[in-house]
Amino acid sequence: MKDKIEKIIEEDINPYLAMHQGGCEYIDFQEGSGILTIRMFGGCSGCPSSQLTLFNGIIPIFKEKMPEIQDILLD
Protein backbone atom coordinates (compact mmCIF):
# COMPACT_ATOMS: atom_id res chain seq x y z
CA MET A 1 0.00 0.00 0.00
CA LYS A 2 2.78 2.42 0.96
CA ASP A 3 4.53 1.85 -2.38
CA LYS A 4 1.35 2.59 -4.33
CA ILE A 5 0.75 5.80 -2.35
CA GLU A 6 4.35 6.95 -2.79
CA LYS A 7 4.15 6.26 -6.53
CA ILE A 8 1.05 8.46 -6.84
CA ILE A 9 2.77 11.21 -4.87
CA GLU A 10 5.92 10.96 -6.99
CA GLU A 11 4.25 10.71 -10.40
CA ASP A 12 0.99 12.66 -10.08
CA ILE A 13 1.20 15.11 -7.21
CA ASN A 14 4.78 16.29 -6.75
CA PRO A 15 5.33 17.35 -10.38
CA TYR A 16 2.38 19.75 -9.95
CA LEU A 17 3.59 20.99 -6.55
CA ALA A 18 7.14 21.40 -7.87
CA MET A 19 5.89 24.20 -10.12
CA HIS A 20 5.39 26.12 -6.86
CA GLN A 21 8.75 25.01 -5.40
CA GLY A 22 7.05 22.50 -3.09
CA GLY A 23 6.05 18.91 -2.67
CA CYS A 24 4.52 16.39 -0.31
CA GLU A 25 5.62 13.14 1.26
CA TYR A 26 3.98 10.05 2.73
CA ILE A 27 3.83 9.93 6.52
CA ASP A 28 1.31 7.20 7.42
CA PHE A 29 -1.69 5.25 6.17
CA GLN A 30 -4.16 3.60 8.54
CA GLU A 31 -5.78 0.80 6.55
CA GLY A 32 -8.61 0.27 9.04
CA SER A 33 -9.87 3.84 8.81
CA GLY A 34 -8.54 4.70 5.35
CA ILE A 35 -6.80 7.82 6.63
CA LEU A 36 -3.64 8.95 4.85
CA THR A 37 -1.30 11.45 6.49
CA ILE A 38 1.07 13.48 4.33
CA ARG A 39 3.48 16.33 4.95
CA MET A 40 3.89 19.26 2.60
CA PHE A 41 7.33 20.80 2.22
CA GLY A 42 9.19 23.54 0.38
CA GLY A 43 7.01 26.30 -0.97
CA CYS A 44 3.89 24.36 0.09
CA SER A 45 4.85 24.21 3.77
CA GLY A 46 2.99 26.96 5.58
CA CYS A 47 1.52 28.32 2.36
CA PRO A 48 -1.91 29.89 2.97
CA SER A 49 -3.21 28.02 -0.08
CA SER A 50 -2.06 24.58 1.09
CA GLN A 51 -5.55 23.63 2.29
CA LEU A 52 -6.98 24.57 -1.11
CA THR A 53 -4.27 22.52 -2.79
CA LEU A 54 -5.13 19.58 -0.56
CA PHE A 55 -8.90 19.73 -1.16
CA ASN A 56 -8.90 20.73 -4.83
CA GLY A 57 -5.82 18.88 -6.05
CA ILE A 58 -4.43 16.14 -3.84
CA ILE A 59 -7.64 14.58 -2.49
CA PRO A 60 -9.31 14.24 -5.93
CA ILE A 61 -6.22 12.52 -7.34
CA PHE A 62 -6.15 10.00 -4.51
CA LYS A 63 -9.94 9.44 -4.60
CA GLU A 64 -9.66 8.57 -8.30
CA LYS A 65 -6.63 6.31 -8.02
CA MET A 66 -7.20 4.78 -4.56
CA PRO A 67 -10.86 4.80 -3.48
CA GLU A 68 -9.88 3.01 -0.26
CA ILE A 69 -8.46 6.30 1.02
CA GLN A 70 -11.26 7.93 3.00
CA ASP A 71 -9.51 11.10 4.16
CA ILE A 72 -6.16 12.85 3.96
CA LEU A 73 -4.61 14.76 6.83
CA LEU A 74 -1.68 17.16 6.78
CA ASP A 75 1.08 16.57 9.29
C-alpha atoms as a PDB file:
ATOM      1  CA  MET A   1       0.000   0.000   0.000  1.00  0.00           C
ATOM      2  CA  LYS A   2       2.777   2.423   0.956  1.00  0.00           C
ATOM      3  CA  ASP A   3       4.529   1.849  -2.379  1.00  0.00           C
ATOM      4  CA  LYS A   4       1.347   2.594  -4.326  1.00  0.00           C
ATOM      5  CA  ILE A   5       0.750   5.803  -2.348  1.00  0.00           C
ATOM      6  CA  GLU A   6       4.348   6.945  -2.787  1.00  0.00           C
ATOM      7  CA  LYS A   7       4.150   6.263  -6.527  1.00  0.00           C
ATOM      8  CA  ILE A   8       1.051   8.464  -6.845  1.00  0.00           C
ATOM      9  CA  ILE A   9       2.769  11.212  -4.871  1.00  0.00           C
ATOM     10  CA  GLU A  10       5.915  10.962  -6.986  1.00  0.00           C
ATOM     11  CA  GLU A  11       4.250  10.709 -10.404  1.00  0.00           C
ATOM     12  CA  ASP A  12       0.995  12.655 -10.079  1.00  0.00           C
ATOM     13  CA  ILE A  13       1.198  15.113  -7.211  1.00  0.00           C
ATOM     14  CA  ASN A  14       4.781  16.285  -6.746  1.00  0.00           C
ATOM     15  CA  PRO A  15       5.327  17.349 -10.376  1.00  0.00           C
ATOM     16  CA  TYR A  16       2.382  19.751  -9.947  1.00  0.00           C
ATOM     17  CA  LEU A  17       3.589  20.989  -6.549  1.00  0.00           C
ATOM     18  CA  ALA A  18       7.142  21.399  -7.867  1.00  0.00           C
ATOM     19  CA  MET A  19       5.890  24.205 -10.121  1.00  0.00           C
ATOM     20  CA  HIS A  20       5.391  26.116  -6.865  1.00  0.00           C
ATOM     21  CA  GLN A  21       8.751  25.012  -5.397  1.00  0.00           C
ATOM     22  CA  GLY A  22       7.048  22.505  -3.094  1.00  0.00           C
ATOM     23  CA  GLY A  23       6.046  18.907  -2.671  1.00  0.00           C
ATOM     24  CA  CYS A  24       4.524  16.391  -0.310  1.00  0.00           C
ATOM     25  CA  GLU A  25       5.616  13.136   1.258  1.00  0.00           C
ATOM     26  CA  TYR A  26       3.980  10.053   2.729  1.00  0.00           C
ATOM     27  CA  ILE A  27       3.833   9.929   6.521  1.00  0.00           C
ATOM     28  CA  ASP A  28       1.314   7.199   7.416  1.00  0.00           C
ATOM     29  CA  PHE A  29      -1.689   5.247   6.172  1.00  0.00           C
ATOM     30  CA  GLN A  30      -4.157   3.602   8.538  1.00  0.00           C
ATOM     31  CA  GLU A  31      -5.776   0.804   6.554  1.00  0.00           C
ATOM     32  CA  GLY A  32      -8.610   0.268   9.037  1.00  0.00           C
ATOM     33  CA  SER A  33      -9.875   3.843   8.813  1.00  0.00           C
ATOM     34  CA  GLY A  34      -8.537   4.696   5.351  1.00  0.00           C
ATOM     35  CA  ILE A  35      -6.796   7.824   6.634  1.00  0.00           C
ATOM     36  CA  LEU A  36      -3.637   8.948   4.849  1.00  0.00           C
ATOM     37  CA  THR A  37      -1.301  11.448   6.494  1.00  0.00           C
ATOM     38  CA  ILE A  38       1.069  13.480   4.334  1.00  0.00           C
ATOM     39  CA  ARG A  39       3.478  16.331   4.950  1.00  0.00           C
ATOM     40  CA  MET A  40       3.886  19.260   2.598  1.00  0.00           C
ATOM     41  CA  PHE A  41       7.331  20.795   2.216  1.00  0.00           C
ATOM     42  CA  GLY A  42       9.189  23.536   0.385  1.00  0.00           C
ATOM     43  CA  GLY A  43       7.006  26.300  -0.971  1.00  0.00           C
ATOM     44  CA  CYS A  44       3.885  24.364   0.093  1.00  0.00           C
ATOM     45  CA  SER A  45       4.849  24.211   3.769  1.00  0.00           C
ATOM     46  CA  GLY A  46       2.992  26.955   5.580  1.00  0.00           C
ATOM     47  CA  CYS A  47       1.516  28.319   2.364  1.00  0.00           C
ATOM     48  CA  PRO A  48      -1.910  29.892   2.972  1.00  0.00           C
ATOM     49  CA  SER A  49      -3.214  28.024  -0.079  1.00  0.00           C
ATOM     50  CA  SER A  50      -2.057  24.578   1.087  1.00  0.00           C
ATOM     51  CA  GLN A  51      -5.554  23.631   2.292  1.00  0.00           C
ATOM     52  CA  LEU A  52      -6.978  24.569  -1.108  1.00  0.00           C
ATOM     53  CA  THR A  53      -4.267  22.520  -2.790  1.00  0.00           C
ATOM     54  CA  LEU A  54      -5.135  19.580  -0.559  1.00  0.00           C
ATOM     55  CA  PHE A  55      -8.897  19.733  -1.156  1.00  0.00           C
ATOM     56  CA  ASN A  56      -8.900  20.733  -4.828  1.00  0.00           C
ATOM     57  CA  GLY A  57      -5.823  18.883  -6.052  1.00  0.00           C
ATOM     58  CA  ILE A  58      -4.427  16.141  -3.844  1.00  0.00           C
ATOM     59  CA  ILE A  59      -7.639  14.580  -2.492  1.00  0.00           C
ATOM     60  CA  PRO A  60      -9.315  14.243  -5.926  1.00  0.00           C
ATOM     61  CA  ILE A  61      -6.217  12.518  -7.345  1.00  0.00           C
ATOM     62  CA  PHE A  62      -6.149  10.001  -4.512  1.00  0.00           C
ATOM     63  CA  LYS A  63      -9.937   9.442  -4.602  1.00  0.00           C
ATOM     64  CA  GLU A  64      -9.663   8.569  -8.298  1.00  0.00           C
ATOM     65  CA  LYS A  65      -6.633   6.312  -8.019  1.00  0.00           C
ATOM     66  CA  MET A  66      -7.201   4.781  -4.558  1.00  0.00           C
ATOM     67  CA  PRO A  67     -10.855   4.804  -3.477  1.00  0.00           C
ATOM     68  CA  GLU A  68      -9.879   3.010  -0.258  1.00  0.00           C
ATOM     69  CA  ILE A  69      -8.457   6.304   1.023  1.00  0.00           C
ATOM     70  CA  GLN A  70     -11.259   7.927   2.995  1.00  0.00           C
ATOM     71  CA  ASP A  71      -9.513  11.099   4.162  1.00  0.00           C
ATOM     72  CA  ILE A  72      -6.158  12.849   3.957  1.00  0.00           C
ATOM     73  CA  LEU A  73      -4.615  14.760   6.833  1.00  0.00           C
ATOM     74  CA  LEU A  74      -1.680  17.164   6.780  1.00  0.00           C
ATOM     75  CA  ASP A  75       1.082  16.574   9.290  1.00  0.00           C
END
